[in-house]
PDB file of N, CA and C in Angstrom:
ATOM      1  N   MET A   1     287.556 175.472  98.383  1.00  0.00           N
ATOM      2  CA  MET A   1     286.850 175.126  99.665  1.00  0.00           C
ATOM      3  C   MET A   1     287.561 174.005 100.356  1.00  0.00           C
ATOM      4  N   PRO A   2     288.221 173.998 101.376  1.00  0.00           N
ATOM      5  CA  PRO A   2     288.727 172.715 102.010  1.00  0.00           C
ATOM      6  C   PRO A   2     287.982 171.658 102.386  1.00  0.00           C
ATOM      7  N   ARG A   3     288.484 170.539 102.258  1.00  0.00           N
ATOM      8  CA  ARG A   3     287.763 169.443 102.429  1.00  0.00           C
ATOM      9  C   ARG A   3     287.578 169.072 103.789  1.00  0.00           C
ATOM     10  N   ILE A   4     286.523 168.767 104.526  1.00  0.00           N
ATOM     11  CA  ILE A   4     286.384 168.506 106.005  1.00  0.00           C
ATOM     12  C   ILE A   4     285.989 166.921 106.044  1.00  0.00           C
ATOM     13  N   LEU A   5     286.783 166.293 106.944  1.00  0.00           N
ATOM     14  CA  LEU A   5     286.794 164.707 107.187  1.00  0.00           C
ATOM     15  C   LEU A   5     285.741 164.592 108.035  1.00  0.00           C
ATOM     16  N   ASN A   6     285.098 163.596 108.000  1.00  0.00           N
ATOM     17  CA  ASN A   6     284.044 163.219 108.816  1.00  0.00           C
ATOM     18  C   ASN A   6     284.655 162.679 110.292  1.00  0.00           C
ATOM     19  N   CYS A   7     284.216 162.323 111.046  1.00  0.00           N
ATOM     20  CA  CYS A   7     284.723 162.021 112.184  1.00  0.00           C
ATOM     21  C   CYS A   7     285.789 160.690 112.229  1.00  0.00           C
ATOM     22  N   ALA A   8     284.977 159.645 111.361  1.00  0.00           N
ATOM     23  CA  ALA A   8     285.919 158.446 111.153  1.00  0.00           C
ATOM     24  C   ALA A   8     286.961 158.712 110.369  1.00  0.00           C
ATOM     25  N   GLY A   9     286.911 159.618 109.441  1.00  0.00           N
ATOM     26  CA  GLY A   9     288.247 159.870 108.582  1.00  0.00           C
ATOM     27  C   GLY A   9     289.235 160.650 109.280  1.00  0.00           C
ATOM     28  N   ALA A  10     288.910 161.618 110.326  1.00  0.00           N
ATOM     29  CA  ALA A  10     289.800 162.372 110.933  1.00  0.00           C
ATOM     30  C   ALA A  10     290.386 161.449 112.152  1.00  0.00           C
ATOM     31  N   ALA A  11     289.899 160.387 112.618  1.00  0.00           N
ATOM     32  CA  ALA A  11     290.636 159.639 113.880  1.00  0.00           C
ATOM     33  C   ALA A  11     291.871 158.895 113.471  1.00  0.00           C
ATOM     34  N   THR A  12     292.984 158.703 114.148  1.00  0.00           N
ATOM     35  CA  THR A  12     294.035 158.468 113.790  1.00  0.00           C
ATOM     36  C   THR A  12     293.979 156.765 114.283  1.00  0.00           C
ATOM     37  N   PRO A  13     294.701 156.046 113.408  1.00  0.00           N
ATOM     38  CA  PRO A  13     294.556 154.647 113.914  1.00  0.00           C
ATOM     39  C   PRO A  13     295.115 154.410 115.268  1.00  0.00           C
ATOM     40  N   THR A  14     295.666 155.062 116.012  1.00  0.00           N
ATOM     41  CA  THR A  14     295.949 154.976 117.610  1.00  0.00           C
ATOM     42  C   THR A  14     294.946 155.260 118.174  1.00  0.00           C
ATOM     43  N   CYS A  15     293.953 155.937 118.026  1.00  0.00           N
ATOM     44  CA  CYS A  15     292.659 156.130 118.450  1.00  0.00           C
ATOM     45  C   CYS A  15     291.622 154.903 118.353  1.00  0.00           C
ATOM     46  N   MET A  16     291.902 154.599 117.295  1.00  0.00           N
ATOM     47  CA  MET A  16     290.843 153.556 116.774  1.00  0.00           C
ATOM     48  C   MET A  16     291.237 152.288 117.390  1.00  0.00           C
ATOM     49  N   ALA A  17     292.561 152.147 117.615  1.00  0.00           N
ATOM     50  CA  ALA A  17     293.120 150.581 118.195  1.00  0.00           C
ATOM     51  C   ALA A  17     292.797 150.967 119.774  1.00  0.00           C
ATOM     52  N   ARG A  18     292.960 152.115 120.498  1.00  0.00           N
ATOM     53  CA  ARG A  18     292.677 152.127 121.626  1.00  0.00           C
ATOM     54  C   ARG A  18     291.155 151.820 122.050  1.00  0.00           C
ATOM     55  N   ALA A  19     290.417 152.273 121.121  1.00  0.00           N
ATOM     56  CA  ALA A  19     288.914 151.988 121.358  1.00  0.00           C
ATOM     57  C   ALA A  19     288.693 150.391 121.375  1.00  0.00           C
ATOM     58  N   SER A  20     289.124 149.779 120.367  1.00  0.00           N
ATOM     59  CA  SER A  20     288.990 148.038 120.206  1.00  0.00           C
ATOM     60  C   SER A  20     289.606 147.539 121.374  1.00  0.00           C
ATOM     61  N   LEU A  21     290.846 147.935 122.050  1.00  0.00           N
ATOM     62  CA  LEU A  21     291.315 147.536 123.390  1.00  0.00           C
ATOM     63  C   LEU A  21     290.210 147.644 124.526  1.00  0.00           C
ATOM     64  N   VAL A  22     289.587 148.752 124.630  1.00  0.00           N
ATOM     65  CA  VAL A  22     288.820 149.027 125.751  1.00  0.00           C
ATOM     66  C   VAL A  22     287.636 148.018 125.569  1.00  0.00           C
ATOM     67  N   ARG A  23     287.026 147.609 124.200  1.00  0.00           N
ATOM     68  CA  ARG A  23     286.058 147.136 124.059  1.00  0.00           C
ATOM     69  C   ARG A  23     286.313 145.461 124.410  1.00  0.00           C
ATOM     70  N   MET A  24     287.461 145.060 124.014  1.00  0.00           N
ATOM     71  CA  MET A  24     287.821 143.742 124.300  1.00  0.00           C
ATOM     72  C   MET A  24     287.741 143.185 125.619  1.00  0.00           C
ATOM     73  N   PRO A  25     287.946 143.824 126.899  1.00  0.00           N
ATOM     74  CA  PRO A  25     287.931 143.143 128.094  1.00  0.00           C
ATOM     75  C   PRO A  25     286.561 142.939 128.314  1.00  0.00           C
ATOM     76  N   ARG A  26     285.468 143.787 128.132  1.00  0.00           N
ATOM     77  CA  ARG A  26     284.191 143.727 128.227  1.00  0.00           C
ATOM     78  C   ARG A  26     283.322 142.761 127.701  1.00  0.00           C
ATOM     79  N   THR A  27     283.812 142.398 126.160  1.00  0.00           N
ATOM     80  CA  THR A  27     283.301 141.169 125.480  1.00  0.00           C
ATOM     81  C   THR A  27     283.923 139.867 125.995  1.00  0.00           C
ATOM     82  N   ALA A  28     285.178 139.972 126.564  1.00  0.00           N
ATOM     83  CA  ALA A  28     285.492 139.020 127.097  1.00  0.00           C
ATOM     84  C   ALA A  28     284.906 138.363 128.521  1.00  0.00           C
ATOM     85  N   LEU A  29     284.622 139.458 129.208  1.00  0.00           N
ATOM     86  CA  LEU A  29     283.868 139.365 130.465  1.00  0.00           C
ATOM     87  C   LEU A  29     282.435 138.828 130.184  1.00  0.00           C
ATOM     88  N   TRP A  30     281.710 139.179 129.325  1.00  0.00           N
ATOM     89  CA  TRP A  30     280.557 138.877 129.150  1.00  0.00           C
ATOM     90  C   TRP A  30     280.444 137.118 128.236  1.00  0.00           C
ATOM     91  N   LEU A  31     281.321 136.930 127.530  1.00  0.00           N
ATOM     92  CA  LEU A  31     281.797 135.622 127.220  1.00  0.00           C
ATOM     93  C   LEU A  31     282.030 134.506 128.047  1.00  0.00           C
ATOM     94  N   GLY A  32     282.924 135.038 129.313  1.00  0.00           N
ATOM     95  CA  GLY A  32     283.220 134.098 129.982  1.00  0.00           C
ATOM     96  C   GLY A  32     282.074 134.018 130.950  1.00  0.00           C
ATOM     97  N   LEU A  33     281.305 134.999 131.272  1.00  0.00           N
ATOM     98  CA  LEU A  33     280.067 134.794 132.013  1.00  0.00           C
ATOM     99  C   LEU A  33     279.268 133.898 131.571  1.00  0.00           C
ATOM    100  N   SER A  34     278.843 133.914 130.346  1.00  0.00           N
ATOM    101  CA  SER A  34     278.050 133.206 129.581  1.00  0.00           C
ATOM    102  C   SER A  34     278.433 131.468 129.640  1.00  0.00           C
ATOM    103  N   GLY A  35     279.782 131.340 129.519  1.00  0.00           N
ATOM    104  CA  GLY A  35     280.517 130.040 129.371  1.00  0.00           C
ATOM    105  C   GLY A  35     280.231 129.632 130.775  1.00  0.00           C
ATOM    106  N   LEU A  36     280.418 130.506 131.703  1.00  0.00           N
ATOM    107  CA  LEU A  36     280.371 129.920 133.093  1.00  0.00           C
ATOM    108  C   LEU A  36     278.570 129.523 133.570  1.00  0.00           C
ATOM    109  N   ILE A  37     277.963 130.029 132.848  1.00  0.00           N
ATOM    110  CA  ILE A  37     276.215 129.846 133.257  1.00  0.00           C
ATOM    111  C   ILE A  37     276.118 128.769 132.607  1.00  0.00           C
ATOM    112  N   ILE A  38     276.597 128.235 131.498  1.00  0.00           N
ATOM    113  CA  ILE A  38     276.328 127.227 130.595  1.00  0.00           C
ATOM    114  C   ILE A  38     276.903 126.069 131.195  1.00  0.00           C
ATOM    115  N   LEU A  39     278.421 125.978 131.691  1.00  0.00           N
ATOM    116  CA  LEU A  39     278.886 125.099 132.878  1.00  0.00           C
ATOM    117  C   LEU A  39     278.226 124.680 133.665  1.00  0.00           C
ATOM    118  N   LEU A  40     277.740 125.693 134.384  1.00  0.00           N
ATOM    119  CA  LEU A  40     276.733 125.578 135.826  1.00  0.00           C
ATOM    120  C   LEU A  40     275.577 124.583 135.434  1.00  0.00           C
ATOM    121  N   ASP A  41     274.754 125.140 134.208  1.00  0.00           N
ATOM    122  CA  ASP A  41     273.788 124.461 133.506  1.00  0.00           C
ATOM    123  C   ASP A  41     273.788 122.752 133.292  1.00  0.00           C
ATOM    124  N   GLN A  42     274.932 122.607 132.729  1.00  0.00           N
ATOM    125  CA  GLN A  42     275.436 121.332 132.500  1.00  0.00           C
ATOM    126  C   GLN A  42     275.606 120.357 133.571  1.00  0.00           C
ATOM    127  N   LEU A  43     276.401 121.007 134.573  1.00  0.00           N
ATOM    128  CA  LEU A  43     276.843 120.421 135.680  1.00  0.00           C
ATOM    129  C   LEU A  43     275.501 119.821 136.581  1.00  0.00           C
ATOM    130  N   THR A  44     274.715 120.912 136.660  1.00  0.00           N
ATOM    131  CA  THR A  44     273.388 120.713 137.373  1.00  0.00           C
ATOM    132  C   THR A  44     272.828 119.263 136.780  1.00  0.00           C
ATOM    133  N   LYS A  45     272.562 119.621 135.442  1.00  0.00           N
ATOM    134  CA  LYS A  45     272.093 118.504 134.613  1.00  0.00           C
ATOM    135  C   LYS A  45     272.330 117.179 134.928  1.00  0.00           C
ATOM    136  N   LEU A  46     273.926 117.062 134.922  1.00  0.00           N
ATOM    137  CA  LEU A  46     274.537 116.017 135.074  1.00  0.00           C
ATOM    138  C   LEU A  46     274.507 115.647 136.290  1.00  0.00           C
ATOM    139  N   TRP A  47     274.274 116.205 137.437  1.00  0.00           N
ATOM    140  CA  TRP A  47     274.115 115.766 138.916  1.00  0.00           C
ATOM    141  C   TRP A  47     272.538 115.273 138.975  1.00  0.00           C
ATOM    142  N   VAL A  48     271.715 116.069 138.430  1.00  0.00           N
ATOM    143  CA  VAL A  48     270.136 115.651 138.785  1.00  0.00           C
ATOM    144  C   VAL A  48     270.168 113.985 138.033  1.00  0.00           C
ATOM    145  N   VAL A  49     270.788 113.905 136.856  1.00  0.00           N
ATOM    146  CA  VAL A  49     270.563 112.610 136.010  1.00  0.00           C
ATOM    147  C   VAL A  49     271.295 111.551 136.862  1.00  0.00           C
ATOM    148  N   SER A  50     272.144 111.829 137.366  1.00  0.00           N
ATOM    149  CA  SER A  50     272.697 111.060 138.269  1.00  0.00           C
ATOM    150  C   SER A  50     272.709 110.542 139.589  1.00  0.00           C
ATOM    151  N   ALA A  51     271.813 111.185 140.138  1.00  0.00           N
ATOM    152  CA  ALA A  51     271.351 111.390 141.542  1.00  0.00           C
ATOM    153  C   ALA A  51     269.784 111.244 141.772  1.00  0.00           C
ATOM    154  N   LEU A  52     269.161 111.358 140.869  1.00  0.00           N
ATOM    155  CA  LEU A  52     267.551 111.133 141.186  1.00  0.00           C
ATOM    156  C   LEU A  52     267.114 110.267 140.134  1.00  0.00           C
ATOM    157  N   LYS A  53     265.959 109.575 140.238  1.00  0.00           N
ATOM    158  CA  LYS A  53     265.307 108.837 139.486  1.00  0.00           C
ATOM    159  C   LYS A  53     264.100 109.587 138.497  1.00  0.00           C
ATOM    160  N   LEU A  54     263.618 109.437 137.502  1.00  0.00           N
ATOM    161  CA  LEU A  54     262.672 109.883 136.613  1.00  0.00           C
ATOM    162  C   LEU A  54     261.348 110.414 137.674  1.00  0.00           C
ATOM    163  N   GLY A  55     261.022 111.542 137.679  1.00  0.00           N
ATOM    164  CA  GLY A  55     260.024 111.816 138.316  1.00  0.00           C
ATOM    165  C   GLY A  55     260.096 112.126 140.191  1.00  0.00           C
ATOM    166  N   GLN A  56     261.244 112.078 140.462  1.00  0.00           N
ATOM    167  CA  GLN A  56     261.876 112.179 141.670  1.00  0.00           C
ATOM    168  C   GLN A  56     261.942 113.638 142.298  1.00  0.00           C
ATOM    169  N   SER A  57     261.696 113.978 143.242  1.00  0.00           N
ATOM    170  CA  SER A  57     261.968 115.735 143.671  1.00  0.00           C
ATOM    171  C   SER A  57     262.637 115.591 144.864  1.00  0.00           C
ATOM    172  N   ILE A  58     263.413 116.775 145.179  1.00  0.00           N
ATOM    173  CA  ILE A  58     264.175 117.280 146.162  1.00  0.00           C
ATOM    174  C   ILE A  58     263.597 118.664 146.605  1.00  0.00           C
ATOM    175  N   GLU A  59     263.220 118.655 147.813  1.00  0.00           N
ATOM    176  CA  GLU A  59     262.585 119.908 148.383  1.00  0.00           C
ATOM    177  C   GLU A  59     264.057 121.076 148.844  1.00  0.00           C
ATOM    178  N   LEU A  60     263.860 121.987 148.047  1.00  0.00           N
ATOM    179  CA  LEU A  60     265.447 122.800 148.211  1.00  0.00           C
ATOM    180  C   LEU A  60     264.866 123.826 149.321  1.00  0.00           C
ATOM    181  N   THR A  61     263.656 124.616 148.999  1.00  0.00           N
ATOM    182  CA  THR A  61     263.106 125.322 150.128  1.00  0.00           C
ATOM    183  C   THR A  61     261.784 125.228 150.373  1.00  0.00           C
ATOM    184  N   SER A  62     261.158 125.809 151.026  1.00  0.00           N
ATOM    185  CA  SER A  62     259.633 125.381 151.257  1.00  0.00           C
ATOM    186  C   SER A  62     258.819 125.812 150.352  1.00  0.00           C
ATOM    187  N   PHE A  63     259.440 126.527 149.123  1.00  0.00           N
ATOM    188  CA  PHE A  63     258.564 126.983 147.985  1.00  0.00           C
ATOM    189  C   PHE A  63     259.293 126.458 146.662  1.00  0.00           C
ATOM    190  N   PHE A  64     260.240 125.724 146.843  1.00  0.00           N
ATOM    191  CA  PHE A  64     261.181 125.451 145.382  1.00  0.00           C
ATOM    192  C   PHE A  64     261.438 124.061 145.544  1.00  0.00           C
ATOM    193  N   ASN A  65     260.812 123.118 144.577  1.00  0.00           N
ATOM    194  CA  ASN A  65     261.505 121.826 144.584  1.00  0.00           C
ATOM    195  C   ASN A  65     262.087 121.458 143.273  1.00  0.00           C
ATOM    196  N   LEU A  66     263.198 120.815 143.071  1.00  0.00           N
ATOM    197  CA  LEU A  66     263.975 120.221 142.038  1.00  0.00           C
ATOM    198  C   LEU A  66     263.391 118.981 141.540  1.00  0.00           C
ATOM    199  N   VAL A  67     262.723 118.819 140.602  1.00  0.00           N
ATOM    200  CA  VAL A  67     261.966 117.744 140.085  1.00  0.00           C
ATOM    201  C   VAL A  67     262.683 117.049 138.654  1.00  0.00           C
ATOM    202  N   PHE A  68     262.745 115.850 138.635  1.00  0.00           N
ATOM    203  CA  PHE A  68     263.620 115.438 137.381  1.00  0.00           C
ATOM    204  C   PHE A  68     262.517 114.711 136.430  1.00  0.00           C
ATOM    205  N   VAL A  69     262.509 115.708 135.400  1.00  0.00           N
ATOM    206  CA  VAL A  69     261.210 115.184 134.132  1.00  0.00           C
ATOM    207  C   VAL A  69     262.183 115.469 133.067  1.00  0.00           C
ATOM    208  N   TYR A  70     261.705 114.932 132.244  1.00  0.00           N
ATOM    209  CA  TYR A  70     262.147 115.261 130.639  1.00  0.00           C
ATOM    210  C   TYR A  70     261.151 116.254 129.867  1.00  0.00           C
ATOM    211  N   ASN A  71     261.797 116.922 129.202  1.00  0.00           N
ATOM    212  CA  ASN A  71     260.730 118.130 128.522  1.00  0.00           C
ATOM    213  C   ASN A  71     260.936 117.679 126.794  1.00  0.00           C
ATOM    214  N   THR A  72     260.008 117.091 126.382  1.00  0.00           N
ATOM    215  CA  THR A  72     260.151 116.623 125.177  1.00  0.00           C
ATOM    216  C   THR A  72     259.448 117.484 124.060  1.00  0.00           C
ATOM    217  N   GLY A  73     259.387 119.110 124.556  1.00  0.00           N
ATOM    218  CA  GLY A  73     258.852 119.643 123.332  1.00  0.00           C
ATOM    219  C   GLY A  73     259.796 120.909 123.487  1.00  0.00           C
ATOM    220  N   ALA A  74     259.237 122.141 123.019  1.00  0.00           N
ATOM    221  CA  ALA A  74     260.088 123.445 122.997  1.00  0.00           C
ATOM    222  C   ALA A  74     259.899 123.776 124.629  1.00  0.00           C
ATOM    223  N   ALA A  75     259.827 125.188 124.753  1.00  0.00           N
ATOM    224  CA  ALA A  75     259.683 125.975 126.189  1.00  0.00           C
ATOM    225  C   ALA A  75     258.527 125.228 126.857  1.00  0.00           C
ATOM    226  N   PHE A  76     258.562 124.731 127.851  1.00  0.00           N
ATOM    227  CA  PHE A  76     257.782 124.255 128.817  1.00  0.00           C
ATOM    228  C   PHE A  76     256.720 123.117 128.314  1.00  0.00           C
ATOM    229  N   SER A  77     257.203 122.416 127.561  1.00  0.00           N
ATOM    230  CA  SER A  77     256.697 121.367 126.751  1.00  0.00           C
ATOM    231  C   SER A  77     255.573 121.879 125.512  1.00  0.00           C
ATOM    232  N   PHE A  78     255.922 123.179 125.192  1.00  0.00           N
ATOM    233  CA  PHE A  78     255.287 123.513 123.979  1.00  0.00           C
ATOM    234  C   PHE A  78     255.451 122.595 122.813  1.00  0.00           C
ATOM    235  N   LEU A  79     254.325 122.341 122.151  1.00  0.00           N
ATOM    236  CA  LEU A  79     254.637 121.403 120.801  1.00  0.00           C
ATOM    237  C   LEU A  79     255.085 120.170 121.345  1.00  0.00           C
ATOM    238  N   ALA A  80     254.949 119.650 122.430  1.00  0.00           N
ATOM    239  CA  ALA A  80     255.203 118.158 122.592  1.00  0.00           C
ATOM    240  C   ALA A  80     254.922 117.057 121.836  1.00  0.00           C
ATOM    241  N   ASP A  81     253.634 117.315 121.415  1.00  0.00           N
ATOM    242  CA  ASP A  81     252.992 116.178 120.675  1.00  0.00           C
ATOM    243  C   ASP A  81     253.098 116.273 118.984  1.00  0.00           C
ATOM    244  N   ALA A  82     254.044 117.435 119.000  1.00  0.00           N
ATOM    245  CA  ALA A  82     254.438 117.852 117.136  1.00  0.00           C
ATOM    246  C   ALA A  82     255.237 116.624 116.714  1.00  0.00           C
ATOM    247  N   GLY A  83     255.319 116.394 115.509  1.00  0.00           N
ATOM    248  CA  GLY A  83     256.035 115.367 114.772  1.00  0.00           C
ATOM    249  C   GLY A  83     257.548 115.481 114.744  1.00  0.00           C
ATOM    250  N   GLY A  84     258.165 116.471 115.409  1.00  0.00           N
ATOM    251  CA  GLY A  84     259.869 116.711 115.401  1.00  0.00           C
ATOM    252  C   GLY A  84     259.913 117.856 114.405  1.00  0.00           C
ATOM    253  N   TRP A  85     259.287 118.432 113.616  1.00  0.00           N
ATOM    254  CA  TRP A  85     259.343 119.583 112.621  1.00  0.00           C
ATOM    255  C   TRP A  85     259.642 120.980 113.648  1.00  0.00           C
ATOM    256  N   GLN A  86     259.455 120.833 115.134  1.00  0.00           N
ATOM    257  CA  GLN A  86     259.400 122.218 115.695  1.00  0.00           C
ATOM    258  C   GLN A  86     260.981 122.420 115.991  1.00  0.00           C
ATOM    259  N   ARG A  87     261.753 121.348 116.155  1.00  0.00           N
ATOM    260  CA  ARG A  87     263.379 121.792 116.312  1.00  0.00           C
ATOM    261  C   ARG A  87     263.710 122.387 115.097  1.00  0.00           C
ATOM    262  N   TRP A  88     263.518 121.775 114.071  1.00  0.00           N
ATOM    263  CA  TRP A  88     264.338 122.784 112.829  1.00  0.00           C
ATOM    264  C   TRP A  88     263.762 124.085 112.464  1.00  0.00           C
ATOM    265  N   PHE A  89     262.384 124.319 112.914  1.00  0.00           N
ATOM    266  CA  PHE A  89     261.860 125.259 112.952  1.00  0.00           C
ATOM    267  C   PHE A  89     262.294 126.535 113.812  1.00  0.00           C
ATOM    268  N   PHE A  90     262.675 126.060 115.064  1.00  0.00           N
ATOM    269  CA  PHE A  90     263.279 127.040 115.911  1.00  0.00           C
ATOM    270  C   PHE A  90     264.799 127.084 115.748  1.00  0.00           C
ATOM    271  N   VAL A  91     265.572 126.257 114.991  1.00  0.00           N
ATOM    272  CA  VAL A  91     266.906 126.375 114.384  1.00  0.00           C
ATOM    273  C   VAL A  91     267.015 127.272 113.591  1.00  0.00           C
ATOM    274  N   GLY A  92     265.797 127.316 112.526  1.00  0.00           N
ATOM    275  CA  GLY A  92     265.928 128.344 111.627  1.00  0.00           C
ATOM    276  C   GLY A  92     265.740 129.654 112.136  1.00  0.00           C
ATOM    277  N   LEU A  93     264.663 129.664 112.779  1.00  0.00           N
ATOM    278  CA  LEU A  93     264.037 131.154 113.713  1.00  0.00           C
ATOM    279  C   LEU A  93     265.632 131.648 114.290  1.00  0.00           C
ATOM    280  N   ALA A  94     266.003 130.868 115.043  1.00  0.00           N
ATOM    281  CA  ALA A  94     267.313 131.442 115.626  1.00  0.00           C
ATOM    282  C   ALA A  94     268.321 131.849 114.920  1.00  0.00           C
ATOM    283  N   LEU A  95     268.588 131.144 113.678  1.00  0.00           N
ATOM    284  CA  LEU A  95     269.582 131.479 112.725  1.00  0.00           C
ATOM    285  C   LEU A  95     269.284 132.858 111.939  1.00  0.00           C
ATOM    286  N   ALA A  96     267.822 132.759 111.604  1.00  0.00           N
ATOM    287  CA  ALA A  96     267.201 134.198 110.719  1.00  0.00           C
ATOM    288  C   ALA A  96     267.530 135.255 111.738  1.00  0.00           C
ATOM    289  N   VAL A  97     267.403 135.304 113.208  1.00  0.00           N
ATOM    290  CA  VAL A  97     267.330 136.275 113.889  1.00  0.00           C
ATOM    291  C   VAL A  97     268.532 136.723 114.241  1.00  0.00           C
ATOM    292  N   SER A  98     269.688 135.680 114.302  1.00  0.00           N
ATOM    293  CA  SER A  98     271.226 136.182 114.460  1.00  0.00           C
ATOM    294  C   SER A  98     271.742 136.584 113.363  1.00  0.00           C
ATOM    295  N   LEU A  99     271.048 136.618 111.956  1.00  0.00           N
ATOM    296  CA  LEU A  99     271.734 137.243 110.977  1.00  0.00           C
ATOM    297  C   LEU A  99     271.316 138.593 111.364  1.00  0.00           C
TER     298      LEU A  99
END
């Protein structure tokens, strides 16, 4: 009885190379977009720190104000009064989820 190769075994190296080349620009696009968002976030924070005083706000629209405050906790000051362990908890959680 002849041996039948599975799909991966039957694929030639050329087909596999073509597939990885197609995937690369999409990955680069998402990485570039992520980098752009992070850059804009950091530039906005730098602008707010240099242009506003703590507690000062700017009305951007009739329903949206930009207010300079410091968040000493996690999301929306969750665990703000905790003793500092929350940073390491969330770092560990992020690492565990990433694996």
